[in-house]
């Protein structure tokens, strides 16, 4: 079976959370369904902690990833 993208995995985890599953149960289900290495157990735990805190937004947030090393003036200079 093809592995869903990370956003779809988050929606699946949110569904599990809302059904009262534990992070460990969700991890086992995702691993059994999509295979080893699909997602790490600590990643599932992190998302469950986030859901428990009330943040149920599964979309990527602005500013994720490596920050730019160029300041605004350098970007203008190089016309990025």
PDB file of N, CA and C in Angstrom:
ATOM      1  N   UNK A   1       0.841  -1.182   0.000  1.00  0.00           N
ATOM      2  CA  UNK A   1       0.000   0.000   0.000  1.00  0.00           C
ATOM      3  C   UNK A   1       0.888   1.248   0.000  1.00  0.00           C
ATOM      4  N   UNK A   2       0.504   2.239  -0.744  1.00  0.00           N
ATOM      5  CA  UNK A   2       1.254   3.488  -0.837  1.00  0.00           C
ATOM      6  C   UNK A   2       1.123   4.287   0.459  1.00  0.00           C
ATOM      7  N   UNK A   3       2.213   4.861   0.911  1.00  0.00           N
ATOM      8  CA  UNK A   3       2.214   5.656   2.126  1.00  0.00           C
ATOM      9  C   UNK A   3       1.601   7.027   1.855  1.00  0.00           C
ATOM     10  N   UNK A   4       0.645   7.456   2.685  1.00  0.00           N
ATOM     11  CA  UNK A   4       0.069   8.784   2.494  1.00  0.00           C
ATOM     12  C   UNK A   4       1.072   9.870   2.865  1.00  0.00           C
ATOM     13  N   UNK A   5       0.842  11.082   2.373  1.00  0.00           N
ATOM     14  CA  UNK A   5       1.754  12.167   2.717  1.00  0.00           C
ATOM     15  C   UNK A   5       1.600  12.524   4.196  1.00  0.00           C
ATOM     16  N   UNK A   6       2.511  13.360   4.690  1.00  0.00           N
ATOM     17  CA  UNK A   6       2.549  13.645   6.126  1.00  0.00           C
ATOM     18  C   UNK A   6       1.283  14.335   6.627  1.00  0.00           C
ATOM     19  N   UNK A   7       0.630  15.134   5.814  1.00  0.00           N
ATOM     20  CA  UNK A   7      -0.602  15.790   6.248  1.00  0.00           C
ATOM     21  C   UNK A   7      -1.708  14.745   6.448  1.00  0.00           C
ATOM     22  N   UNK A   8      -1.811  13.801   5.542  1.00  0.00           N
ATOM     23  CA  UNK A   8      -2.826  12.748   5.688  1.00  0.00           C
ATOM     24  C   UNK A   8      -2.556  11.901   6.925  1.00  0.00           C
ATOM     25  N   UNK A   9      -1.277  11.621   7.198  1.00  0.00           N
ATOM     26  CA  UNK A   9      -0.941  10.874   8.414  1.00  0.00           C
ATOM     27  C   UNK A   9      -1.384  11.643   9.652  1.00  0.00           C
ATOM     28  N   UNK A  10      -1.226  12.964   9.629  1.00  0.00           N
ATOM     29  CA  UNK A  10      -1.650  13.783  10.770  1.00  0.00           C
ATOM     30  C   UNK A  10      -3.161  13.726  10.958  1.00  0.00           C
ATOM     31  N   UNK A  11      -3.908  13.750   9.852  1.00  0.00           N
ATOM     32  CA  UNK A  11      -5.364  13.627   9.961  1.00  0.00           C
ATOM     33  C   UNK A  11      -5.751  12.266  10.535  1.00  0.00           C
ATOM     34  N   UNK A  12      -5.042  11.234  10.149  1.00  0.00           N
ATOM     35  CA  UNK A  12      -5.309   9.903  10.700  1.00  0.00           C
ATOM     36  C   UNK A  12      -5.014   9.901  12.199  1.00  0.00           C
ATOM     37  N   UNK A  13      -3.880  10.496  12.597  1.00  0.00           N
ATOM     38  CA  UNK A  13      -3.546  10.560  14.022  1.00  0.00           C
ATOM     39  C   UNK A  13      -4.593  11.361  14.791  1.00  0.00           C
ATOM     40  N   UNK A  14      -5.064  12.466  14.212  1.00  0.00           N
ATOM     41  CA  UNK A  14      -6.098  13.270  14.869  1.00  0.00           C
ATOM     42  C   UNK A  14      -7.369  12.447  15.057  1.00  0.00           C
ATOM     43  N   UNK A  15      -7.736  11.678  14.053  1.00  0.00           N
ATOM     44  CA  UNK A  15      -8.906  10.808  14.163  1.00  0.00           C
ATOM     45  C   UNK A  15      -8.710   9.791  15.286  1.00  0.00           C
ATOM     46  N   UNK A  16      -7.539   9.196  15.345  1.00  0.00           N
ATOM     47  CA  UNK A  16      -7.236   8.249  16.421  1.00  0.00           C
ATOM     48  C   UNK A  16      -7.346   8.939  17.780  1.00  0.00           C
ATOM     49  N   UNK A  17      -6.762  10.127  17.887  1.00  0.00           N
ATOM     50  CA  UNK A  17      -6.799  10.881  19.142  1.00  0.00           C
ATOM     51  C   UNK A  17      -8.238  11.144  19.574  1.00  0.00           C
ATOM     52  N   UNK A  18      -9.049  11.600  18.623  1.00  0.00           N
ATOM     53  CA  UNK A  18     -10.438  11.934  18.950  1.00  0.00           C
ATOM     54  C   UNK A  18     -11.266  10.701  19.297  1.00  0.00           C
ATOM     55  N   UNK A  19     -10.817   9.527  18.879  1.00  0.00           N
ATOM     56  CA  UNK A  19     -11.488   8.273  19.239  1.00  0.00           C
ATOM     57  C   UNK A  19     -11.003   7.741  20.584  1.00  0.00           C
ATOM     58  N   UNK A  20     -10.028   8.436  21.190  1.00  0.00           N
ATOM     59  CA  UNK A  20      -9.533   8.026  22.500  1.00  0.00           C
ATOM     60  C   UNK A  20      -8.360   7.072  22.474  1.00  0.00           C
ATOM     61  N   UNK A  21      -7.769   6.886  21.303  1.00  0.00           N
ATOM     62  CA  UNK A  21      -6.605   6.011  21.200  1.00  0.00           C
ATOM     63  C   UNK A  21      -5.406   6.662  21.882  1.00  0.00           C
ATOM     64  N   UNK A  22      -4.451   5.838  22.282  1.00  0.00           N
ATOM     65  CA  UNK A  22      -3.176   6.350  22.781  1.00  0.00           C
ATOM     66  C   UNK A  22      -2.235   6.552  21.598  1.00  0.00           C
ATOM     67  N   UNK A  23      -1.162   7.292  21.843  1.00  0.00           N
ATOM     68  CA  UNK A  23      -0.154   7.487  20.798  1.00  0.00           C
ATOM     69  C   UNK A  23       0.453   6.146  20.388  1.00  0.00           C
ATOM     70  N   UNK A  24       0.664   5.262  21.358  1.00  0.00           N
ATOM     71  CA  UNK A  24       1.238   3.944  21.055  1.00  0.00           C
ATOM     72  C   UNK A  24       0.308   3.131  20.155  1.00  0.00           C
ATOM     73  N   UNK A  25      -0.992   3.188  20.423  1.00  0.00           N
ATOM     74  CA  UNK A  25      -1.952   2.472  19.576  1.00  0.00           C
ATOM     75  C   UNK A  25      -1.947   3.038  18.157  1.00  0.00           C
ATOM     76  N   UNK A  26      -1.904   4.356  18.064  1.00  0.00           N
ATOM     77  CA  UNK A  26      -1.889   5.002  16.752  1.00  0.00           C
ATOM     78  C   UNK A  26      -0.627   4.628  15.986  1.00  0.00           C
ATOM     79  N   UNK A  27       0.512   4.652  16.672  1.00  0.00           N
ATOM     80  CA  UNK A  27       1.777   4.282  16.037  1.00  0.00           C
ATOM     81  C   UNK A  27       1.721   2.860  15.496  1.00  0.00           C
ATOM     82  N   UNK A  28       1.224   1.929  16.315  1.00  0.00           N
ATOM     83  CA  UNK A  28       1.128   0.531  15.872  1.00  0.00           C
ATOM     84  C   UNK A  28       0.207   0.399  14.663  1.00  0.00           C
ATOM     85  N   UNK A  29      -0.915   1.100  14.686  1.00  0.00           N
ATOM     86  CA  UNK A  29      -1.852   1.027  13.565  1.00  0.00           C
ATOM     87  C   UNK A  29      -1.222   1.580  12.288  1.00  0.00           C
ATOM     88  N   UNK A  30      -0.567   2.726  12.386  1.00  0.00           N
ATOM     89  CA  UNK A  30       0.068   3.324  11.207  1.00  0.00           C
ATOM     90  C   UNK A  30       1.177   2.423  10.664  1.00  0.00           C
ATOM     91  N   UNK A  31       1.961   1.847  11.560  1.00  0.00           N
ATOM     92  CA  UNK A  31       3.047   0.958  11.149  1.00  0.00           C
ATOM     93  C   UNK A  31       2.499  -0.321  10.520  1.00  0.00           C
ATOM     94  N   UNK A  32       1.465  -0.886  11.122  1.00  0.00           N
ATOM     95  CA  UNK A  32       0.861  -2.107  10.569  1.00  0.00           C
ATOM     96  C   UNK A  32       0.205  -1.843   9.219  1.00  0.00           C
ATOM     97  N   UNK A  33      -0.371  -0.666   9.062  1.00  0.00           N
ATOM     98  CA  UNK A  33      -1.080  -0.338   7.822  1.00  0.00           C
ATOM     99  C   UNK A  33      -0.137   0.062   6.697  1.00  0.00           C
ATOM    100  N   UNK A  34       0.848   0.916   7.010  1.00  0.00           N
ATOM    101  CA  UNK A  34       1.689   1.501   5.959  1.00  0.00           C
ATOM    102  C   UNK A  34       3.130   1.002   5.957  1.00  0.00           C
ATOM    103  N   UNK A  35       3.519   0.232   6.963  1.00  0.00           N
ATOM    104  CA  UNK A  35       4.852  -0.351   6.989  1.00  0.00           C
ATOM    105  C   UNK A  35       5.818   0.358   7.923  1.00  0.00           C
ATOM    106  N   UNK A  36       6.860  -0.380   8.262  1.00  0.00           N
ATOM    107  CA  UNK A  36       7.924   0.145   9.123  1.00  0.00           C
ATOM    108  C   UNK A  36       8.538   1.386   8.491  1.00  0.00           C
ATOM    109  N   UNK A  37       8.877   2.343   9.309  1.00  0.00           N
ATOM    110  CA  UNK A  37       9.550   3.538   8.828  1.00  0.00           C
ATOM    111  C   UNK A  37       8.627   4.607   8.272  1.00  0.00           C
ATOM    112  N   UNK A  38       7.321   4.348   8.296  1.00  0.00           N
ATOM    113  CA  UNK A  38       6.374   5.347   7.791  1.00  0.00           C
ATOM    114  C   UNK A  38       6.403   6.592   8.651  1.00  0.00           C
ATOM    115  N   UNK A  39       6.455   6.392   9.958  1.00  0.00           N
ATOM    116  CA  UNK A  39       6.469   7.491  10.915  1.00  0.00           C
ATOM    117  C   UNK A  39       7.137   6.987  12.180  1.00  0.00           C
ATOM    118  N   UNK A  40       7.815   7.872  12.875  1.00  0.00           N
ATOM    119  CA  UNK A  40       8.475   7.500  14.114  1.00  0.00           C
ATOM    120  C   UNK A  40       7.527   7.575  15.298  1.00  0.00           C
ATOM    121  N   UNK A  41       7.765   6.733  16.279  1.00  0.00           N
ATOM    122  CA  UNK A  41       6.904   6.734  17.466  1.00  0.00           C
ATOM    123  C   UNK A  41       6.963   8.071  18.190  1.00  0.00           C
ATOM    124  N   UNK A  42       8.143   8.686  18.242  1.00  0.00           N
ATOM    125  CA  UNK A  42       8.254   9.985  18.917  1.00  0.00           C
ATOM    126  C   UNK A  42       7.479  11.072  18.171  1.00  0.00           C
ATOM    127  N   UNK A  43       7.386  10.951  16.859  1.00  0.00           N
ATOM    128  CA  UNK A  43       6.600  11.909  16.076  1.00  0.00           C
ATOM    129  C   UNK A  43       5.124  11.785  16.420  1.00  0.00           C
ATOM    130  N   UNK A  44       4.646  10.559  16.538  1.00  0.00           N
ATOM    131  CA  UNK A  44       3.247  10.342  16.918  1.00  0.00           C
ATOM    132  C   UNK A  44       3.006  10.901  18.318  1.00  0.00           C
ATOM    133  N   UNK A  45       3.934  10.667  19.238  1.00  0.00           N
ATOM    134  CA  UNK A  45       3.793  11.182  20.598  1.00  0.00           C
ATOM    135  C   UNK A  45       3.749  12.707  20.605  1.00  0.00           C
ATOM    136  N   UNK A  46       4.579  13.332  19.776  1.00  0.00           N
ATOM    137  CA  UNK A  46       4.598  14.795  19.688  1.00  0.00           C
ATOM    138  C   UNK A  46       3.254  15.324  19.202  1.00  0.00           C
ATOM    139  N   UNK A  47       2.707  14.690  18.163  1.00  0.00           N
ATOM    140  CA  UNK A  47       1.414  15.136  17.639  1.00  0.00           C
ATOM    141  C   UNK A  47       0.295  14.904  18.651  1.00  0.00           C
ATOM    142  N   UNK A  48       0.311  13.806  19.373  1.00  0.00           N
ATOM    143  CA  UNK A  48      -0.717  13.564  20.383  1.00  0.00           C
ATOM    144  C   UNK A  48      -0.624  14.596  21.507  1.00  0.00           C
ATOM    145  N   UNK A  49       0.584  14.973  21.889  1.00  0.00           N
ATOM    146  CA  UNK A  49       0.748  16.009  22.912  1.00  0.00           C
ATOM    147  C   UNK A  49       0.183  17.337  22.409  1.00  0.00           C
ATOM    148  N   UNK A  50       0.415  17.626  21.156  1.00  0.00           N
ATOM    149  CA  UNK A  50      -0.109  18.857  20.553  1.00  0.00           C
ATOM    150  C   UNK A  50      -1.640  18.843  20.552  1.00  0.00           C
ATOM    151  N   UNK A  51      -2.226  17.711  20.143  1.00  0.00           N
ATOM    152  CA  UNK A  51      -3.682  17.596  20.139  1.00  0.00           C
ATOM    153  C   UNK A  51      -4.239  17.746  21.552  1.00  0.00           C
ATOM    154  N   UNK A  52      -3.562  17.130  22.520  1.00  0.00           N
ATOM    155  CA  UNK A  52      -4.017  17.194  23.911  1.00  0.00           C
ATOM    156  C   UNK A  52      -3.999  18.625  24.434  1.00  0.00           C
ATOM    157  N   UNK A  53      -3.053  19.433  23.946  1.00  0.00           N
ATOM    158  CA  UNK A  53      -2.962  20.831  24.386  1.00  0.00           C
ATOM    159  C   UNK A  53      -4.049  21.701  23.758  1.00  0.00           C
ATOM    160  N   UNK A  54      -4.799  21.124  22.812  1.00  0.00           N
ATOM    161  CA  UNK A  54      -5.877  21.864  22.167  1.00  0.00           C
ATOM    162  C   UNK A  54      -5.573  22.308  20.755  1.00  0.00           C
ATOM    163  N   UNK A  55      -4.329  22.155  20.323  1.00  0.00           N
ATOM    164  CA  UNK A  55      -3.940  22.544  18.962  1.00  0.00           C
ATOM    165  C   UNK A  55      -4.205  21.363  18.034  1.00  0.00           C
ATOM    166  N   UNK A  56      -5.259  21.471  17.266  1.00  0.00           N
ATOM    167  CA  UNK A  56      -5.621  20.375  16.363  1.00  0.00           C
ATOM    168  C   UNK A  56      -5.395  20.739  14.902  1.00  0.00           C
ATOM    169  N   UNK A  57      -4.576  21.753  14.661  1.00  0.00           N
ATOM    170  CA  UNK A  57      -4.229  22.154  13.298  1.00  0.00           C
ATOM    171  C   UNK A  57      -3.141  21.219  12.784  1.00  0.00           C
ATOM    172  N   UNK A  58      -3.439  20.479  11.744  1.00  0.00           N
ATOM    173  CA  UNK A  58      -2.484  19.503  11.216  1.00  0.00           C
ATOM    174  C   UNK A  58      -1.693  20.027  10.023  1.00  0.00           C
ATOM    175  N   UNK A  59      -1.997  21.226   9.573  1.00  0.00           N
ATOM    176  CA  UNK A  59      -1.292  21.809   8.431  1.00  0.00           C
ATOM    177  C   UNK A  59       0.078  22.322   8.866  1.00  0.00           C
ATOM    178  N   UNK A  60       1.015  22.406   7.918  1.00  0.00           N
ATOM    179  CA  UNK A  60       2.331  22.958   8.204  1.00  0.00           C
ATOM    180  C   UNK A  60       2.189  24.435   8.544  1.00  0.00           C
ATOM    181  N   UNK A  61       2.973  24.883   9.489  1.00  0.00           N
ATOM    182  CA  UNK A  61       2.939  26.281   9.901  1.00  0.00           C
ATOM    183  C   UNK A  61       4.002  27.063   9.148  1.00  0.00           C
ATOM    184  N   UNK A  62       3.761  28.366   8.994  1.00  0.00           N
ATOM    185  CA  UNK A  62       4.752  29.237   8.366  1.00  0.00           C
ATOM    186  C   UNK A  62       6.047  29.184   9.168  1.00  0.00           C
ATOM    187  N   UNK A  63       7.143  29.309   8.467  1.00  0.00           N
ATOM    188  CA  UNK A  63       8.432  29.364   9.145  1.00  0.00           C
ATOM    189  C   UNK A  63       9.043  28.004   9.422  1.00  0.00           C
ATOM    190  N   UNK A  64       8.382  26.947   8.973  1.00  0.00           N
ATOM    191  CA  UNK A  64       8.946  25.621   9.162  1.00  0.00           C
ATOM    192  C   UNK A  64      10.140  25.448   8.241  1.00  0.00           C
ATOM    193  N   UNK A  65      11.062  24.638   8.640  1.00  0.00           N
ATOM    194  CA  UNK A  65      12.213  24.360   7.796  1.00  0.00           C
ATOM    195  C   UNK A  65      13.393  25.238   8.150  1.00  0.00           C
ATOM    196  N   UNK A  66      14.391  25.118   7.362  1.00  0.00           N
ATOM    197  CA  UNK A  66      15.632  25.839   7.602  1.00  0.00           C
ATOM    198  C   UNK A  66      15.447  27.321   7.299  1.00  0.00           C
ATOM    199  N   UNK A  67      15.864  28.187   8.225  1.00  0.00           N
ATOM    200  CA  UNK A  67      15.723  29.621   7.978  1.00  0.00           C
ATOM    201  C   UNK A  67      16.701  30.099   6.912  1.00  0.00           C
ATOM    202  N   UNK A  68      16.316  31.141   6.233  1.00  0.00           N
ATOM    203  CA  UNK A  68      17.177  31.718   5.212  1.00  0.00           C
ATOM    204  C   UNK A  68      18.393  32.349   5.867  1.00  0.00           C
ATOM    205  N   UNK A  69      19.539  32.186   5.248  1.00  0.00           N
ATOM    206  CA  UNK A  69      20.758  32.788   5.775  1.00  0.00           C
ATOM    207  C   UNK A  69      21.003  34.165   5.178  1.00  0.00           C
ATOM    208  N   UNK A  70      20.192  34.530   4.199  1.00  0.00           N
ATOM    209  CA  UNK A  70      20.359  35.829   3.561  1.00  0.00           C
ATOM    210  C   UNK A  70      19.381  36.827   4.164  1.00  0.00           C
ATOM    211  N   UNK A  71      19.867  38.026   4.461  1.00  0.00           N
ATOM    212  CA  UNK A  71      18.959  39.053   4.944  1.00  0.00           C
ATOM    213  C   UNK A  71      18.255  39.707   3.754  1.00  0.00           C
ATOM    214  N   UNK A  72      17.305  40.583   4.034  1.00  0.00           N
ATOM    215  CA  UNK A  72      16.506  41.196   2.971  1.00  0.00           C
ATOM    216  C   UNK A  72      17.345  41.980   1.977  1.00  0.00           C
ATOM    217  N   UNK A  73      18.383  42.692   2.457  1.00  0.00           N
ATOM    218  CA  UNK A  73      19.225  43.467   1.545  1.00  0.00           C
ATOM    219  C   UNK A  73      19.974  42.554   0.578  1.00  0.00           C
ATOM    220  N   UNK A  74      20.463  41.436   1.077  1.00  0.00           N
ATOM    221  CA  UNK A  74      21.185  40.502   0.215  1.00  0.00           C
ATOM    222  C   UNK A  74      20.247  39.899  -0.824  1.00  0.00           C
ATOM    223  N   UNK A  75      19.013  39.624  -0.430  1.00  0.00           N
ATOM    224  CA  UNK A  75      18.044  39.080  -1.379  1.00  0.00           C
ATOM    225  C   UNK A  75      17.772  40.070  -2.505  1.00  0.00           C
ATOM    226  N   UNK A  76      17.667  41.349  -2.150  1.00  0.00           N
ATOM    227  CA  UNK A  76      17.447  42.377  -3.171  1.00  0.00           C
ATOM    228  C   UNK A  76      18.647  42.457  -4.103  1.00  0.00           C
ATOM    229  N   UNK A  77      19.835  42.375  -3.529  1.00  0.00           N
ATOM    230  CA  UNK A  77      21.056  42.463  -4.309  1.00  0.00           C
ATOM    231  C   UNK A  77      21.135  41.327  -5.330  1.00  0.00           C
ATOM    232  N   UNK A  78      20.774  40.138  -4.897  1.00  0.00           N
ATOM    233  CA  UNK A  78      20.850  38.967  -5.775  1.00  0.00           C
ATOM    234  C   UNK A  78      19.529  38.676  -6.488  1.00  0.00           C
ATOM    235  N   UNK A  79      18.535  39.529  -6.279  1.00  0.00           N
ATOM    236  CA  UNK A  79      17.211  39.441  -6.918  1.00  0.00           C
ATOM    237  C   UNK A  79      16.554  38.070  -6.755  1.00  0.00           C
ATOM    238  N   UNK A  80      16.453  37.641  -5.497  1.00  0.00           N
ATOM    239  CA  UNK A  80      15.759  36.377  -5.208  1.00  0.00           C
ATOM    240  C   UNK A  80      14.292  36.603  -5.217  1.00  0.00           C
TER     241      UNK A  80
END
